[in-house]
Amino acid sequence: MEDQANKGERIAKIIARAGLASRRESEKLILDGKVKVNGKTISSPALNLSRDDVVEVDGKLLSPPEKTRIWMYHKPVGLISTSKDEKNRPTIFDKLPNEMPRVLSIGRLDLNSEGLLLLTNDGELKRRLELPSTGWLRSYRVRVKGRLNENMLEPLRRGISVDGTQFKPMQVSFDRQTGANAWLSIGLREGKNREIRKALSLLGLSVNRLIRISFGDFELGKLKKGEIEEVRSSIVKTLFKKEVDNREMKENQKGNFGRKGTKNKDKVSITRNVSKNRRFNH
């Protein structure tokens, strides 16, 4: 690990790319003393690695990163999007098919929200797509209790502050009134915690249904509740050409972390050479 400040990649980034955890979770694993490099426990994520360094996480050799994959999942109401919950509530990961590899959610939907949730095996891609600077539009259909008119929605279009948190301007349209409820279409480019519910609550409106219908170029379409569909690898490469192609090129140049002098021949993915979307109903 000579002259680590000037070469290689940060260890948390490498762990994230292997799909073991997000970058933030990887840093926590390091701080908790669960990561070794070349047999020695490290205590700081401020470490760059070379191609010859061997990484262990929780006593297991870190597998080389697999090809970046993305899935679209129709999250139903009643599941949370985190991998663990202190209240032992069911999570989306409890409901995924057994043949799925370990995945991370790109962003979250709260317990009472439903619709499109993107999953990936690449922790670094997860981090990139969650950054506000990515600018991807998240679109929602929202039902609220109350009678609306267009003027009521102007504060959302200008951007408002709720409990000290500033929300950026939203794309909002009033679709229709159906009795005591009204339907809205809302678009966000950030997606802070419970942003839509908090913003509408400030206007005196209670959300009783919230459905994410798209995230960037990905659309929920006809995907049924609880169903998951893998995105074709050609689409993944087209949409994320810079991130995916650069990563694969770097990994080919650097070789495999955690396996000196070996090639990744024993790894078999579920849908190698994907030619079309795979859909699971679980």
Protein backbone atom coordinates (compact mmCIF):
# COMPACT_ATOMS: atom_id res chain seq x y z
CA MET A 1 0.00 0.00 0.00
CA GLU A 2 2.88 2.33 -0.77
CA ASP A 3 2.09 5.97 -1.57
CA GLN A 4 -1.63 5.26 -1.23
CA ALA A 5 -2.62 8.92 -1.43
CA ASN A 6 -1.58 9.07 -5.07
CA LYS A 7 -2.90 5.88 -6.61
CA GLY A 8 -5.68 3.32 -6.58
CA GLU A 9 -9.21 3.81 -5.30
CA ARG A 10 -10.67 4.44 -1.87
CA ILE A 11 -11.48 1.21 -0.07
CA ALA A 12 -15.09 2.22 0.70
CA LYS A 13 -15.68 2.79 -3.00
CA ILE A 14 -14.29 -0.66 -3.83
CA ILE A 15 -16.51 -2.35 -1.24
CA ALA A 16 -19.53 -0.45 -2.58
CA ARG A 17 -18.80 -1.46 -6.15
CA ALA A 18 -18.66 -5.09 -5.08
CA GLY A 19 -22.30 -4.67 -4.01
CA LEU A 20 -21.63 -5.54 -0.39
CA ALA A 21 -22.88 -2.22 0.98
CA SER A 22 -23.40 1.42 0.08
CA ARG A 23 -20.36 3.68 0.36
CA ARG A 24 -21.61 5.13 3.65
CA GLU A 25 -22.30 1.65 5.03
CA SER A 26 -18.84 0.56 3.85
CA GLU A 27 -17.24 3.39 5.79
CA LYS A 28 -19.15 2.29 8.90
CA LEU A 29 -17.92 -1.29 8.47
CA ILE A 30 -14.37 0.08 8.43
CA LEU A 31 -14.90 2.23 11.51
CA ASP A 32 -16.43 -0.78 13.30
CA GLY A 33 -13.21 -2.75 12.69
CA LYS A 34 -14.79 -5.28 10.32
CA VAL A 35 -12.48 -4.71 7.37
CA LYS A 36 -8.97 -6.06 6.85
CA VAL A 37 -6.44 -5.21 4.16
CA ASN A 38 -3.63 -7.71 3.62
CA GLY A 39 -4.52 -9.37 6.93
CA LYS A 40 -4.49 -6.18 9.02
CA THR A 41 -7.62 -4.53 10.45
CA ILE A 42 -7.96 -0.94 9.27
CA SER A 43 -9.63 1.86 11.23
CA SER A 44 -10.02 4.62 8.64
CA PRO A 45 -11.71 4.76 5.21
CA ALA A 46 -9.03 7.24 4.06
CA LEU A 47 -7.11 4.51 2.29
CA ASN A 48 -6.47 3.83 -1.39
CA LEU A 49 -5.81 0.32 -2.62
CA SER A 50 -3.71 -1.10 -5.43
CA ARG A 51 -4.44 -4.16 -7.55
CA ASP A 52 -2.40 -6.42 -5.27
CA ASP A 53 -4.19 -5.60 -2.01
CA VAL A 54 -6.38 -8.29 -0.46
CA VAL A 55 -9.58 -7.17 1.26
CA GLU A 56 -11.63 -9.06 3.84
CA VAL A 57 -15.00 -7.94 5.19
CA ASP A 58 -16.39 -9.70 8.25
CA GLY A 59 -13.82 -12.46 7.80
CA LYS A 60 -14.68 -13.12 4.14
CA LEU A 61 -12.62 -12.26 1.08
CA LEU A 62 -14.17 -9.46 -0.93
CA SER A 63 -15.42 -10.80 -4.25
CA PRO A 64 -14.52 -8.92 -7.44
CA PRO A 65 -17.24 -6.54 -8.64
CA GLU A 66 -19.78 -8.14 -10.97
CA LYS A 67 -21.28 -6.46 -14.00
CA THR A 68 -23.57 -3.60 -13.02
CA ARG A 69 -27.21 -4.67 -13.00
CA ILE A 70 -30.47 -2.83 -12.30
CA TRP A 71 -33.94 -4.09 -11.45
CA MET A 72 -37.31 -2.34 -11.37
CA TYR A 73 -39.48 -3.35 -8.43
CA HIS A 74 -43.13 -2.47 -7.84
CA LYS A 75 -43.09 -1.88 -4.10
CA PRO A 76 -46.44 -2.47 -2.40
CA VAL A 77 -47.69 -0.60 0.66
CA GLY A 78 -46.63 -2.14 3.98
CA LEU A 79 -42.93 -2.74 3.29
CA ILE A 80 -39.99 -0.54 4.22
CA SER A 81 -37.03 0.05 1.92
CA THR A 82 -34.20 -0.43 4.41
CA SER A 83 -32.44 -3.77 4.90
CA LYS A 84 -32.97 -3.72 8.67
CA ASP A 85 -35.68 -2.25 10.87
CA GLU A 86 -35.53 -1.77 14.62
CA LYS A 87 -39.28 -2.40 14.81
CA ASN A 88 -38.93 -5.70 12.90
CA ARG A 89 -41.32 -4.56 10.18
CA PRO A 90 -41.19 -6.46 6.86
CA THR A 91 -38.76 -5.06 4.29
CA ILE A 92 -38.66 -5.23 0.51
CA PHE A 93 -35.61 -7.48 0.80
CA ASP A 94 -37.68 -10.08 2.67
CA LYS A 95 -39.94 -10.37 -0.37
CA LEU A 96 -37.40 -10.59 -3.19
CA PRO A 97 -36.99 -13.90 -5.08
CA ASN A 98 -34.44 -16.31 -3.62
CA GLU A 99 -32.48 -16.33 -6.88
CA MET A 100 -31.80 -12.60 -6.65
CA PRO A 101 -28.23 -11.57 -5.76
CA ARG A 102 -27.58 -9.11 -2.95
CA VAL A 103 -28.98 -5.74 -4.01
CA LEU A 104 -29.31 -2.19 -2.70
CA SER A 105 -32.21 0.20 -3.21
CA ILE A 106 -31.64 3.42 -5.12
CA GLY A 107 -33.48 5.87 -2.91
CA ARG A 108 -36.42 4.82 -0.78
CA LEU A 109 -40.18 4.72 -0.58
CA ASP A 110 -41.71 4.93 2.89
CA LEU A 111 -43.93 2.30 4.49
CA ASN A 112 -47.19 3.72 3.12
CA SER A 113 -45.91 4.60 -0.35
CA GLU A 114 -45.92 2.32 -3.38
CA GLY A 115 -44.68 2.13 -6.92
CA LEU A 116 -41.34 2.06 -8.73
CA LEU A 117 -38.20 1.34 -6.74
CA LEU A 118 -34.88 0.76 -8.49
CA LEU A 119 -32.50 -1.89 -7.17
CA THR A 120 -28.86 -2.46 -8.11
CA ASN A 121 -25.91 -4.68 -7.22
CA ASP A 122 -23.56 -1.67 -7.53
CA GLY A 123 -23.22 0.46 -4.40
CA GLU A 124 -21.27 3.16 -6.20
CA LEU A 125 -24.00 3.52 -8.86
CA LYS A 126 -26.56 3.74 -6.06
CA ARG A 127 -24.64 6.66 -4.54
CA ARG A 128 -24.34 8.48 -7.86
CA LEU A 129 -28.04 8.23 -8.71
CA GLU A 130 -29.11 9.38 -5.25
CA LEU A 131 -27.10 12.60 -5.52
CA PRO A 132 -29.26 15.70 -6.20
CA SER A 133 -26.71 16.74 -8.83
CA THR A 134 -27.81 13.79 -10.99
CA GLY A 135 -31.02 15.71 -11.61
CA TRP A 136 -33.17 12.70 -12.39
CA LEU A 137 -36.90 13.45 -12.23
CA ARG A 138 -38.96 11.28 -9.89
CA SER A 139 -42.63 11.35 -10.88
CA TYR A 140 -45.56 10.54 -8.59
CA ARG A 141 -49.33 10.22 -8.65
CA VAL A 142 -50.68 11.51 -5.37
CA ARG A 143 -54.17 11.36 -3.87
CA VAL A 144 -55.04 13.82 -1.13
CA LYS A 145 -58.09 14.38 1.03
CA GLY A 146 -59.67 17.76 0.40
CA ARG A 147 -60.95 20.04 -2.34
CA LEU A 148 -58.27 21.72 -4.46
CA ASN A 149 -57.71 24.49 -6.92
CA GLU A 150 -54.61 25.46 -8.87
CA ASN A 151 -53.79 28.47 -6.69
CA MET A 152 -53.36 26.26 -3.63
CA LEU A 153 -50.42 24.54 -5.31
CA GLU A 154 -48.36 27.64 -6.13
CA PRO A 155 -46.19 27.41 -2.97
CA LEU A 156 -45.02 23.96 -4.11
CA ARG A 157 -44.03 25.34 -7.50
CA ARG A 158 -42.02 28.13 -5.89
CA GLY A 159 -40.36 25.95 -3.26
CA ILE A 160 -41.22 25.94 0.43
CA SER A 161 -39.62 25.35 3.82
CA VAL A 162 -41.00 22.80 6.29
CA ASP A 163 -39.61 22.62 9.84
CA GLY A 164 -36.37 24.24 8.74
CA THR A 165 -35.90 22.02 5.66
CA GLN A 166 -36.00 23.83 2.33
CA PHE A 167 -37.72 21.95 -0.49
CA LYS A 168 -36.88 22.92 -4.05
CA PRO A 169 -39.64 23.84 -6.54
CA MET A 170 -41.77 20.89 -7.59
CA GLN A 171 -43.50 20.16 -10.87
CA VAL A 172 -47.15 19.99 -9.83
CA SER A 173 -50.41 19.61 -11.74
CA PHE A 174 -53.96 19.24 -10.43
CA ASP A 175 -55.43 16.30 -12.33
CA ARG A 176 -58.97 15.82 -11.05
CA GLN A 177 -61.34 15.97 -8.09
CA THR A 178 -63.11 12.74 -7.16
CA GLY A 179 -65.54 13.44 -4.36
CA ALA A 180 -63.69 14.21 -1.14
CA ASN A 181 -60.31 13.35 -2.73
CA ALA A 182 -58.16 14.97 -5.37
CA TRP A 183 -55.43 13.54 -7.61
CA LEU A 184 -52.16 15.35 -8.33
CA SER A 185 -49.11 14.66 -10.49
CA ILE A 186 -45.86 15.70 -8.82
CA GLY A 187 -42.27 15.67 -10.06
CA LEU A 188 -39.15 15.99 -7.86
CA ARG A 189 -35.45 16.09 -8.59
CA GLU A 190 -34.26 15.59 -5.02
CA GLY A 191 -36.56 13.33 -3.03
CA LYS A 192 -35.85 14.23 0.59
CA ASN A 193 -37.36 12.15 3.37
CA ARG A 194 -41.19 12.22 3.09
CA GLU A 195 -40.91 15.43 1.07
CA ILE A 196 -44.28 15.24 -0.69
CA ARG A 197 -46.21 14.32 2.45
CA LYS A 198 -44.58 17.10 4.48
CA ALA A 199 -45.05 19.74 1.80
CA LEU A 200 -48.72 18.93 1.25
CA SER A 201 -49.34 18.75 4.98
CA LEU A 202 -48.16 22.36 5.23
CA LEU A 203 -50.94 23.24 2.80
CA GLY A 204 -53.47 21.45 5.00
CA LEU A 205 -53.72 18.40 2.72
CA SER A 206 -53.45 14.81 3.91
CA VAL A 207 -51.93 12.27 1.51
CA ASN A 208 -53.85 8.98 1.46
CA ARG A 209 -52.11 7.40 -1.52
CA LEU A 210 -48.69 7.99 -3.08
CA ILE A 211 -47.42 6.10 -6.13
CA ARG A 212 -44.05 6.62 -7.79
CA ILE A 213 -44.60 6.06 -11.50
CA SER A 214 -41.13 6.84 -12.84
CA PHE A 215 -37.50 7.49 -11.88
CA GLY A 216 -35.53 9.14 -14.65
CA ASP A 217 -36.00 7.11 -17.81
CA PHE A 218 -37.40 4.11 -15.92
CA GLU A 219 -41.19 3.77 -15.80
CA LEU A 220 -43.44 1.60 -13.66
CA GLY A 221 -45.61 0.77 -16.65
CA LYS A 222 -47.61 -2.44 -16.24
CA LEU A 223 -45.36 -3.95 -13.60
CA LYS A 224 -47.67 -5.52 -11.00
CA LYS A 225 -47.40 -5.01 -7.25
CA GLY A 226 -44.65 -7.19 -5.81
CA GLU A 227 -43.24 -7.92 -9.27
CA ILE A 228 -39.59 -7.34 -10.16
CA GLU A 229 -38.04 -7.01 -13.60
CA GLU A 230 -34.39 -6.82 -14.59
CA VAL A 231 -33.40 -4.08 -16.99
CA ARG A 232 -31.61 -5.31 -20.09
CA SER A 233 -27.84 -4.93 -19.87
CA SER A 234 -27.80 -3.00 -23.16
CA ILE A 235 -30.12 -0.40 -21.65
CA VAL A 236 -28.01 -0.16 -18.50
CA LYS A 237 -24.90 0.47 -20.58
CA THR A 238 -26.64 3.05 -22.74
CA LEU A 239 -28.02 5.02 -19.81
CA PHE A 240 -24.89 4.80 -17.68
CA LYS A 241 -22.21 4.42 -20.31
CA LYS A 242 -19.69 6.61 -18.57
CA GLU A 243 -20.12 5.08 -15.11
CA VAL A 244 -20.43 1.45 -16.20
CA ASP A 245 -17.88 1.35 -19.02
CA ASN A 246 -15.27 3.27 -17.06
CA ARG A 247 -15.73 1.01 -14.05
CA GLU A 248 -15.46 -2.20 -16.08
CA MET A 249 -12.37 -0.89 -17.89
CA LYS A 250 -10.70 0.03 -14.60
CA GLU A 251 -11.54 -3.33 -13.03
CA ASN A 252 -10.15 -5.20 -16.04
CA GLN A 253 -6.93 -3.21 -15.73
CA LYS A 254 -6.60 -3.64 -11.99
CA GLY A 255 -7.50 -7.31 -11.75
CA ASN A 256 -9.44 -8.86 -8.92
CA PHE A 257 -9.36 -7.52 -5.39
CA GLY A 258 -9.21 -10.25 -2.77
CA ARG A 259 -7.95 -12.98 -5.14
CA LYS A 260 -4.31 -12.69 -6.09
CA GLY A 261 -3.52 -14.14 -9.47
CA THR A 262 -6.99 -15.59 -10.05
CA LYS A 263 -9.64 -14.94 -12.62
CA ASN A 264 -13.33 -14.66 -11.93
CA LYS A 265 -14.33 -17.80 -13.83
CA ASP A 266 -16.41 -19.40 -11.10
CA LYS A 267 -18.92 -16.54 -10.88
CA VAL A 268 -22.19 -17.19 -12.72
CA SER A 269 -24.87 -14.51 -12.71
CA ILE A 270 -28.59 -15.30 -12.91
CA THR A 271 -29.04 -13.77 -16.34
CA ARG A 272 -25.65 -13.85 -18.03
CA ASN A 273 -25.75 -12.23 -21.48
CA VAL A 274 -29.23 -10.85 -20.85
CA SER A 275 -31.16 -10.62 -24.10
CA LYS A 276 -34.47 -9.49 -22.62
CA ASN A 277 -35.99 -8.39 -19.32
CA ARG A 278 -36.54 -11.12 -16.72
CA ARG A 279 -39.65 -10.74 -14.65
CA PHE A 280 -40.26 -12.39 -11.31
CA ASN A 281 -43.55 -12.45 -9.45
CA HIS A 282 -42.99 -13.12 -5.78
